[in-house]
Amino acid sequence: MAKPHVRVYLDNDPTPVLDQELPTQLELDTRKLADGPHRLIVRAADQRGTEGIEEIPFHVQNGPGIMVTGLKPGSTQSGKLHLKVDAFSADDPFDPRYAEARSAIPTWVWVLFLFVIAWIIFYAATEWTVPPQYQNTPTFGSPPAASAPATPPASSP
């Protein structure tokens, strides 16, 4: 019987990055890989020689994170495109002006904001009552009853 054995391949390279008996460990330095999608293929054989294969897709992002607004993947476009492009890296010095990506506020946020404001106005208009100590003041009390104009006293003869 053979000892359990593993071979690990990276992407489509026919040379394994690891070829050892089990159990073992692997340290993969992604700084040597190009940014983008990659694939780790693990081929392990047990003591009887039966082989199992595990394929693990992963994405490497050692460079700065890139943000493009104005174009969605798979969209159909025509005419001139006005795109905003920005890139951020963990190694860049912190500058608050670049702390957040500049992009338009989504429409759903504006709709939600207007809904909340409308609800506040509705609630205030229907549920607000005058406190008891102010109910009979000129501002909040009922309007004064109309009275007849004052007539001068009649003169006696």
N, C-alpha and C. Protein backbone atom coordinates (compact mmCIF):
# COMPACT_ATOMS: atom_id res chain seq x y z
N MET A 1 0.83 -1.19 0.00
CA MET A 1 0.00 0.00 0.00
C MET A 1 0.87 1.25 0.00
N ALA A 2 0.42 2.22 -0.75
CA ALA A 2 1.15 3.48 -0.85
C ALA A 2 0.66 4.43 0.24
N LYS A 3 1.47 5.40 0.55
CA LYS A 3 1.07 6.42 1.53
C LYS A 3 0.16 7.43 0.84
N PRO A 4 -0.78 8.04 1.62
CA PRO A 4 -1.63 9.07 1.03
C PRO A 4 -0.76 10.20 0.47
N HIS A 5 -1.15 10.70 -0.69
CA HIS A 5 -0.31 11.64 -1.42
C HIS A 5 -1.19 12.73 -2.03
N VAL A 6 -0.64 13.94 -2.18
CA VAL A 6 -1.39 15.04 -2.77
C VAL A 6 -0.51 15.79 -3.77
N ARG A 7 -1.15 16.22 -4.84
CA ARG A 7 -0.51 17.11 -5.82
C ARG A 7 -1.46 18.28 -6.02
N VAL A 8 -0.89 19.50 -5.96
CA VAL A 8 -1.70 20.71 -6.12
C VAL A 8 -1.19 21.47 -7.34
N TYR A 9 -2.12 21.82 -8.21
CA TYR A 9 -1.79 22.55 -9.44
C TYR A 9 -2.46 23.92 -9.40
N LEU A 10 -1.83 24.88 -10.05
CA LEU A 10 -2.37 26.24 -10.13
C LEU A 10 -2.71 26.54 -11.58
N ASP A 11 -3.94 26.92 -11.80
CA ASP A 11 -4.47 27.22 -13.13
C ASP A 11 -4.22 26.04 -14.07
N ASN A 12 -3.63 26.26 -15.22
CA ASN A 12 -3.42 25.18 -16.18
C ASN A 12 -1.96 24.74 -16.25
N ASP A 13 -1.18 25.07 -15.23
CA ASP A 13 0.24 24.69 -15.21
C ASP A 13 0.35 23.18 -14.96
N PRO A 14 1.07 22.44 -15.84
CA PRO A 14 1.19 21.00 -15.65
C PRO A 14 2.14 20.62 -14.51
N THR A 15 2.96 21.56 -14.05
CA THR A 15 3.87 21.29 -12.94
C THR A 15 3.17 21.62 -11.63
N PRO A 16 3.10 20.67 -10.70
CA PRO A 16 2.39 20.96 -9.44
C PRO A 16 3.18 21.95 -8.57
N VAL A 17 2.43 22.78 -7.83
CA VAL A 17 3.07 23.70 -6.87
C VAL A 17 3.36 22.94 -5.57
N LEU A 18 2.72 21.79 -5.40
CA LEU A 18 2.95 20.96 -4.23
C LEU A 18 2.81 19.50 -4.64
N ASP A 19 3.77 18.66 -4.23
CA ASP A 19 3.73 17.23 -4.51
C ASP A 19 4.33 16.54 -3.29
N GLN A 20 3.46 16.18 -2.31
CA GLN A 20 3.95 15.64 -1.04
C GLN A 20 3.01 14.58 -0.50
N GLU A 21 3.51 13.88 0.53
CA GLU A 21 2.67 12.93 1.24
C GLU A 21 1.76 13.69 2.21
N LEU A 22 0.63 13.07 2.52
CA LEU A 22 -0.33 13.69 3.44
C LEU A 22 -0.05 13.28 4.87
N PRO A 23 -0.37 14.07 5.85
CA PRO A 23 -0.89 15.43 5.76
C PRO A 23 0.24 16.42 5.47
N THR A 24 -0.11 17.54 4.88
CA THR A 24 0.89 18.56 4.53
C THR A 24 0.24 19.93 4.55
N GLN A 25 1.03 20.93 4.33
CA GLN A 25 0.54 22.31 4.27
C GLN A 25 1.09 22.96 3.02
N LEU A 26 0.38 23.99 2.56
CA LEU A 26 0.79 24.73 1.38
C LEU A 26 0.69 26.22 1.67
N GLU A 27 1.72 26.95 1.34
CA GLU A 27 1.66 28.41 1.43
C GLU A 27 1.72 28.93 0.01
N LEU A 28 0.65 29.62 -0.41
CA LEU A 28 0.54 30.15 -1.76
C LEU A 28 0.67 31.66 -1.69
N ASP A 29 1.72 32.20 -2.28
CA ASP A 29 1.95 33.65 -2.28
C ASP A 29 1.23 34.26 -3.47
N THR A 30 0.09 34.89 -3.22
CA THR A 30 -0.70 35.46 -4.31
C THR A 30 -0.06 36.72 -4.88
N ARG A 31 0.95 37.27 -4.20
CA ARG A 31 1.62 38.46 -4.73
C ARG A 31 2.36 38.14 -6.02
N LYS A 32 2.64 36.87 -6.27
CA LYS A 32 3.32 36.47 -7.49
C LYS A 32 2.34 36.17 -8.62
N LEU A 33 1.04 36.23 -8.32
CA LEU A 33 0.01 35.94 -9.32
C LEU A 33 -0.57 37.24 -9.87
N ALA A 34 -1.02 37.18 -11.09
CA ALA A 34 -1.67 38.33 -11.70
C ALA A 34 -3.06 38.50 -11.08
N ASP A 35 -3.53 39.75 -10.99
CA ASP A 35 -4.88 39.99 -10.50
C ASP A 35 -5.88 39.34 -11.45
N GLY A 36 -6.94 38.80 -10.87
CA GLY A 36 -7.98 38.18 -11.68
C GLY A 36 -8.31 36.79 -11.20
N PRO A 37 -9.09 36.06 -12.01
CA PRO A 37 -9.53 34.72 -11.61
C PRO A 37 -8.41 33.68 -11.74
N HIS A 38 -8.38 32.76 -10.82
CA HIS A 38 -7.42 31.66 -10.82
C HIS A 38 -8.13 30.39 -10.36
N ARG A 39 -7.42 29.26 -10.46
CA ARG A 39 -8.00 27.98 -10.13
C ARG A 39 -6.94 27.12 -9.45
N LEU A 40 -7.29 26.56 -8.32
CA LEU A 40 -6.41 25.63 -7.61
C LEU A 40 -7.01 24.24 -7.76
N ILE A 41 -6.21 23.30 -8.29
CA ILE A 41 -6.67 21.94 -8.49
C ILE A 41 -5.89 21.03 -7.54
N VAL A 42 -6.61 20.34 -6.66
CA VAL A 42 -6.00 19.46 -5.68
C VAL A 42 -6.34 18.02 -6.07
N ARG A 43 -5.29 17.22 -6.26
CA ARG A 43 -5.46 15.80 -6.59
C ARG A 43 -4.84 15.01 -5.44
N ALA A 44 -5.68 14.29 -4.71
CA ALA A 44 -5.20 13.51 -3.56
C ALA A 44 -5.51 12.04 -3.79
N ALA A 45 -4.56 11.21 -3.39
CA ALA A 45 -4.74 9.77 -3.51
C ALA A 45 -4.64 9.15 -2.13
N ASP A 46 -5.53 8.19 -1.84
CA ASP A 46 -5.49 7.53 -0.54
C ASP A 46 -4.51 6.35 -0.58
N GLN A 47 -4.50 5.53 0.46
CA GLN A 47 -3.54 4.42 0.56
C GLN A 47 -3.77 3.36 -0.51
N ARG A 48 -4.99 3.23 -0.98
CA ARG A 48 -5.28 2.24 -2.02
C ARG A 48 -4.99 2.78 -3.42
N GLY A 49 -4.67 4.10 -3.51
CA GLY A 49 -4.39 4.71 -4.82
C GLY A 49 -5.59 5.35 -5.47
N THR A 50 -6.75 5.34 -4.78
CA THR A 50 -7.95 5.98 -5.33
C THR A 50 -7.75 7.49 -5.25
N GLU A 51 -7.97 8.14 -6.40
CA GLU A 51 -7.70 9.58 -6.47
C GLU A 51 -9.00 10.38 -6.43
N GLY A 52 -8.93 11.49 -5.69
CA GLY A 52 -10.04 12.44 -5.64
C GLY A 52 -9.54 13.78 -6.15
N ILE A 53 -10.42 14.54 -6.78
CA ILE A 53 -10.04 15.83 -7.35
C ILE A 53 -10.96 16.91 -6.78
N GLU A 54 -10.36 18.01 -6.36
CA GLU A 54 -11.11 19.18 -5.88
C GLU A 54 -10.61 20.39 -6.66
N GLU A 55 -11.54 21.12 -7.27
CA GLU A 55 -11.20 22.33 -8.01
C GLU A 55 -11.74 23.52 -7.24
N ILE A 56 -10.85 24.49 -6.95
CA ILE A 56 -11.25 25.65 -6.15
C ILE A 56 -10.96 26.92 -6.95
N PRO A 57 -12.01 27.55 -7.48
CA PRO A 57 -11.78 28.83 -8.16
C PRO A 57 -11.63 29.94 -7.12
N PHE A 58 -10.74 30.89 -7.39
CA PHE A 58 -10.57 32.03 -6.49
C PHE A 58 -10.14 33.24 -7.30
N HIS A 59 -10.21 34.39 -6.68
CA HIS A 59 -9.91 35.66 -7.35
C HIS A 59 -8.79 36.36 -6.59
N VAL A 60 -7.77 36.82 -7.29
CA VAL A 60 -6.65 37.54 -6.67
C VAL A 60 -6.82 39.03 -6.92
N GLN A 61 -6.63 39.81 -5.86
CA GLN A 61 -6.70 41.27 -5.97
C GLN A 61 -5.58 41.87 -5.12
N ASN A 62 -4.40 41.88 -5.65
CA ASN A 62 -3.26 42.49 -4.96
C ASN A 62 -3.13 43.96 -5.32
N GLY A 63 -3.55 44.31 -6.50
CA GLY A 63 -3.48 45.70 -6.95
C GLY A 63 -4.60 46.50 -6.33
N PRO A 64 -4.69 47.75 -6.70
CA PRO A 64 -5.76 48.59 -6.13
C PRO A 64 -7.13 48.13 -6.60
N GLY A 65 -8.12 48.35 -5.73
CA GLY A 65 -9.51 48.06 -6.10
C GLY A 65 -9.96 49.11 -7.09
N ILE A 66 -10.54 48.69 -8.17
CA ILE A 66 -10.95 49.61 -9.23
C ILE A 66 -12.47 49.70 -9.24
N MET A 67 -12.96 50.94 -9.28
CA MET A 67 -14.40 51.16 -9.33
C MET A 67 -14.72 51.98 -10.57
N VAL A 68 -15.63 51.47 -11.37
CA VAL A 68 -16.09 52.17 -12.56
C VAL A 68 -17.59 52.35 -12.42
N THR A 69 -18.05 53.60 -12.46
CA THR A 69 -19.49 53.86 -12.42
C THR A 69 -19.92 54.37 -13.79
N GLY A 70 -21.10 54.00 -14.18
CA GLY A 70 -21.63 54.43 -15.47
C GLY A 70 -21.69 53.30 -16.48
N LEU A 71 -21.20 52.11 -16.12
CA LEU A 71 -21.24 50.98 -17.02
C LEU A 71 -21.37 49.70 -16.20
N LYS A 72 -22.41 48.93 -16.49
CA LYS A 72 -22.64 47.67 -15.77
C LYS A 72 -22.22 46.51 -16.65
N PRO A 73 -21.69 45.44 -16.05
CA PRO A 73 -21.28 44.28 -16.84
C PRO A 73 -22.45 43.70 -17.64
N GLY A 74 -22.20 43.42 -18.90
CA GLY A 74 -23.21 42.81 -19.76
C GLY A 74 -24.26 43.76 -20.29
N SER A 75 -24.14 45.06 -20.02
CA SER A 75 -25.15 46.01 -20.49
C SER A 75 -24.92 46.36 -21.95
N THR A 76 -25.97 46.82 -22.61
CA THR A 76 -25.88 47.26 -24.00
C THR A 76 -25.85 48.78 -23.99
N GLN A 77 -24.88 49.34 -24.69
CA GLN A 77 -24.69 50.79 -24.69
C GLN A 77 -24.65 51.30 -26.12
N SER A 78 -24.95 52.58 -26.28
CA SER A 78 -24.79 53.24 -27.57
C SER A 78 -24.46 54.70 -27.31
N GLY A 79 -23.85 55.33 -28.27
CA GLY A 79 -23.48 56.73 -28.11
C GLY A 79 -22.27 56.90 -27.21
N LYS A 80 -22.12 58.09 -26.68
CA LYS A 80 -20.99 58.39 -25.81
C LYS A 80 -21.27 57.92 -24.39
N LEU A 81 -20.27 57.34 -23.77
CA LEU A 81 -20.38 56.91 -22.37
C LEU A 81 -19.56 57.85 -21.51
N HIS A 82 -20.13 58.28 -20.42
CA HIS A 82 -19.42 59.11 -19.45
C HIS A 82 -19.20 58.25 -18.21
N LEU A 83 -17.97 57.80 -18.02
CA LEU A 83 -17.66 56.89 -16.93
C LEU A 83 -16.83 57.60 -15.88
N LYS A 84 -16.97 57.17 -14.65
CA LYS A 84 -16.12 57.63 -13.55
C LYS A 84 -15.28 56.44 -13.12
N VAL A 85 -13.97 56.65 -13.06
CA VAL A 85 -13.05 55.58 -12.71
C VAL A 85 -12.26 56.00 -11.48
N ASP A 86 -12.15 55.10 -10.53
CA ASP A 86 -11.38 55.37 -9.32
C ASP A 86 -10.70 54.08 -8.89
N ALA A 87 -9.58 54.22 -8.18
CA ALA A 87 -8.86 53.04 -7.71
C ALA A 87 -8.36 53.30 -6.29
N PHE A 88 -8.45 52.27 -5.45
CA PHE A 88 -8.04 52.37 -4.06
C PHE A 88 -7.15 51.19 -3.71
N SER A 89 -6.18 51.43 -2.85
CA SER A 89 -5.31 50.36 -2.39
C SER A 89 -5.14 50.49 -0.89
N ALA A 90 -4.98 49.38 -0.22
CA ALA A 90 -4.77 49.40 1.24
C ALA A 90 -3.42 50.02 1.58
N ASP A 91 -2.50 50.03 0.63
CA ASP A 91 -1.17 50.59 0.88
C ASP A 91 -1.11 52.10 0.66
N ASP A 92 -2.13 52.68 0.06
CA ASP A 92 -2.14 54.13 -0.18
C ASP A 92 -2.27 54.87 1.14
N PRO A 93 -1.63 56.04 1.26
CA PRO A 93 -1.82 56.83 2.49
C PRO A 93 -3.27 57.32 2.56
N PHE A 94 -3.80 57.40 3.78
CA PHE A 94 -5.19 57.79 3.95
C PHE A 94 -5.38 59.27 3.64
N ASP A 95 -6.32 59.56 2.80
CA ASP A 95 -6.69 60.93 2.48
C ASP A 95 -8.21 60.98 2.51
N PRO A 96 -8.79 61.76 3.44
CA PRO A 96 -10.26 61.75 3.57
C PRO A 96 -11.00 62.14 2.30
N ARG A 97 -10.36 62.89 1.41
CA ARG A 97 -11.03 63.26 0.16
C ARG A 97 -11.28 62.05 -0.72
N TYR A 98 -10.48 61.00 -0.54
CA TYR A 98 -10.63 59.81 -1.35
C TYR A 98 -11.17 58.62 -0.56
N ALA A 99 -11.71 58.88 0.63
CA ALA A 99 -12.16 57.80 1.49
C ALA A 99 -13.36 57.07 0.92
N GLU A 100 -14.18 57.75 0.14
CA GLU A 100 -15.35 57.11 -0.44
C GLU A 100 -15.37 57.36 -1.93
N ALA A 101 -15.86 56.38 -2.64
CA ALA A 101 -15.97 56.51 -4.09
C ALA A 101 -17.11 57.46 -4.42
N ARG A 102 -16.89 58.30 -5.37
CA ARG A 102 -17.91 59.24 -5.78
C ARG A 102 -18.85 58.55 -6.77
N SER A 103 -20.10 58.48 -6.41
CA SER A 103 -21.09 57.94 -7.33
C SER A 103 -22.43 58.58 -7.00
N ALA A 104 -23.32 58.51 -7.95
CA ALA A 104 -24.63 59.12 -7.77
C ALA A 104 -25.42 58.39 -6.69
N ILE A 105 -26.28 59.15 -5.99
CA ILE A 105 -27.14 58.52 -4.98
C ILE A 105 -28.22 57.74 -5.74
N PRO A 106 -28.41 56.47 -5.41
CA PRO A 106 -29.40 55.66 -6.14
C PRO A 106 -30.81 56.21 -5.99
N THR A 107 -31.62 55.99 -7.00
CA THR A 107 -33.00 56.49 -7.01
C THR A 107 -33.80 55.94 -5.84
N TRP A 108 -33.60 54.68 -5.47
CA TRP A 108 -34.37 54.09 -4.38
C TRP A 108 -34.12 54.83 -3.07
N VAL A 109 -32.92 55.42 -2.89
CA VAL A 109 -32.63 56.17 -1.67
C VAL A 109 -33.45 57.46 -1.65
N TRP A 110 -33.55 58.14 -2.80
CA TRP A 110 -34.37 59.36 -2.87
C TRP A 110 -35.84 59.04 -2.63
N VAL A 111 -36.33 57.96 -3.20
CA VAL A 111 -37.74 57.59 -3.01
C VAL A 111 -38.00 57.28 -1.53
N LEU A 112 -37.11 56.55 -0.90
CA LEU A 112 -37.25 56.23 0.53
C LEU A 112 -37.22 57.51 1.37
N PHE A 113 -36.33 58.42 1.04
CA PHE A 113 -36.22 59.69 1.76
C PHE A 113 -37.53 60.48 1.64
N LEU A 114 -38.08 60.58 0.44
CA LEU A 114 -39.34 61.31 0.24
C LEU A 114 -40.49 60.63 0.97
N PHE A 115 -40.51 59.30 1.00
CA PHE A 115 -41.54 58.57 1.73
C PHE A 115 -41.48 58.89 3.21
N VAL A 116 -40.30 58.91 3.79
CA VAL A 116 -40.15 59.22 5.22
C VAL A 116 -40.60 60.64 5.51
N ILE A 117 -40.22 61.60 4.69
CA ILE A 117 -40.64 63.00 4.88
C ILE A 117 -42.16 63.10 4.79
N ALA A 118 -42.78 62.45 3.81
CA ALA A 118 -44.24 62.49 3.67
C ALA A 118 -44.92 61.88 4.89
N TRP A 119 -44.37 60.79 5.42
CA TRP A 119 -44.95 60.17 6.60
C TRP A 119 -44.84 61.10 7.81
N ILE A 120 -43.72 61.79 7.97
CA ILE A 120 -43.55 62.74 9.09
C ILE A 120 -44.58 63.85 8.99
N ILE A 121 -44.78 64.40 7.81
CA ILE A 121 -45.77 65.47 7.63
C ILE A 121 -47.17 64.95 7.92
N PHE A 122 -47.51 63.77 7.41
CA PHE A 122 -48.83 63.19 7.66
C PHE A 122 -49.05 62.97 9.16
N TYR A 123 -48.06 62.40 9.82
CA TYR A 123 -48.18 62.12 11.25
C TYR A 123 -48.36 63.41 12.04
N ALA A 124 -47.56 64.42 11.72
CA ALA A 124 -47.66 65.69 12.44
C ALA A 124 -49.02 66.33 12.22
N ALA A 125 -49.54 66.26 11.02
CA ALA A 125 -50.82 66.89 10.71
C ALA A 125 -52.00 66.16 11.36
N THR A 126 -51.94 64.85 11.49
CA THR A 126 -53.08 64.11 12.01
C THR A 126 -53.00 63.81 13.50
N GLU A 127 -51.84 63.75 14.06
CA GLU A 127 -51.70 63.33 15.44
C GLU A 127 -51.33 64.44 16.42
N TRP A 128 -50.98 65.60 15.93
CA TRP A 128 -50.54 66.65 16.84
C TRP A 128 -51.76 67.32 17.47
N THR A 129 -51.74 67.44 18.78
CA THR A 129 -52.82 68.13 19.49
C THR A 129 -52.23 69.25 20.32
N VAL A 130 -53.07 70.26 20.53
CA VAL A 130 -52.62 71.42 21.31
C VAL A 130 -52.61 71.03 22.79
N PRO A 131 -51.52 71.32 23.50
CA PRO A 131 -51.49 71.02 24.94
C PRO A 131 -52.63 71.76 25.65
N PRO A 132 -53.18 71.16 26.73
CA PRO A 132 -54.35 71.76 27.41
C PRO A 132 -54.14 73.20 27.87
N GLN A 133 -52.95 73.55 28.34
CA GLN A 133 -52.75 74.91 28.85
C GLN A 133 -52.80 75.97 27.76
N TYR A 134 -52.75 75.57 26.48
CA TYR A 134 -52.79 76.55 25.39
C TYR A 134 -54.08 76.49 24.58
N GLN A 135 -55.01 75.64 24.95
CA GLN A 135 -56.21 75.45 24.13
C GLN A 135 -57.10 76.69 24.10
N ASN A 136 -57.08 77.54 25.11
CA ASN A 136 -57.97 78.71 25.14
C ASN A 136 -57.23 80.02 24.87
N THR A 137 -56.02 79.94 24.36
CA THR A 137 -55.28 81.16 24.05
C THR A 137 -55.74 81.70 22.70
N PRO A 138 -55.48 82.97 22.41
CA PRO A 138 -55.91 83.52 21.12
C PRO A 138 -55.34 82.77 19.92
N THR A 139 -54.17 82.20 20.08
CA THR A 139 -53.56 81.51 18.94
C THR A 139 -54.28 80.21 18.63
N PHE A 140 -54.59 79.39 19.65
CA PHE A 140 -55.15 78.07 19.43
C PHE A 140 -56.63 77.97 19.78
N GLY A 141 -57.20 78.95 20.46
CA GLY A 141 -58.60 78.89 20.87
C GLY A 141 -59.53 79.11 19.68
N SER A 142 -60.84 78.97 19.97
CA SER A 142 -61.80 79.20 18.89
C SER A 142 -61.89 80.69 18.61
N PRO A 143 -62.21 81.04 17.40
CA PRO A 143 -62.27 82.48 17.07
C PRO A 143 -63.36 83.16 17.89
N PRO A 144 -63.15 84.43 18.22
CA PRO A 144 -64.17 85.13 19.01
C PRO A 144 -65.46 85.28 18.21
N ALA A 145 -66.57 85.25 18.97
CA ALA A 145 -67.87 85.38 18.31
C ALA A 145 -68.02 86.79 17.78
N ALA A 146 -68.66 86.89 16.66
CA ALA A 146 -68.87 88.21 16.06
C ALA A 146 -69.87 88.95 16.92
N SER A 147 -69.56 90.16 17.24
CA SER A 147 -70.47 90.96 18.07
C SER A 147 -70.96 92.15 17.27
N ALA A 148 -72.12 92.67 17.70
CA ALA A 148 -72.71 93.82 17.00
C ALA A 148 -71.85 95.04 17.29
N PRO A 149 -71.72 95.94 16.35
CA PRO A 149 -70.92 97.13 16.60
C PRO A 149 -71.52 97.95 17.72
N ALA A 150 -70.66 98.54 18.46
CA ALA A 150 -71.11 99.34 19.60
C ALA A 150 -71.81 100.58 19.09
N THR A 151 -72.99 100.88 19.71
CA THR A 151 -73.73 102.08 19.31
C THR A 151 -73.56 103.12 20.40
N PRO A 152 -73.47 104.35 20.02
CA PRO A 152 -73.32 105.39 21.04
C PRO A 152 -74.61 105.50 21.87
N PRO A 153 -74.46 105.85 23.14
CA PRO A 153 -75.67 105.94 23.97
C PRO A 153 -76.59 107.03 23.43
N ALA A 154 -77.86 106.75 23.57
CA ALA A 154 -78.86 107.72 23.08
C ALA A 154 -78.87 108.94 23.97
N SER A 155 -78.98 110.07 23.37
CA SER A 155 -79.00 111.31 24.17
C SER A 155 -80.43 111.60 24.63
N SER A 156 -80.56 112.13 25.81
CA SER A 156 -81.87 112.43 26.35
C SER A 156 -82.28 113.86 26.00
N PRO A 157 -83.53 114.13 25.86
CA PRO A 157 -84.01 115.45 25.48
C PRO A 157 -84.08 116.39 26.59
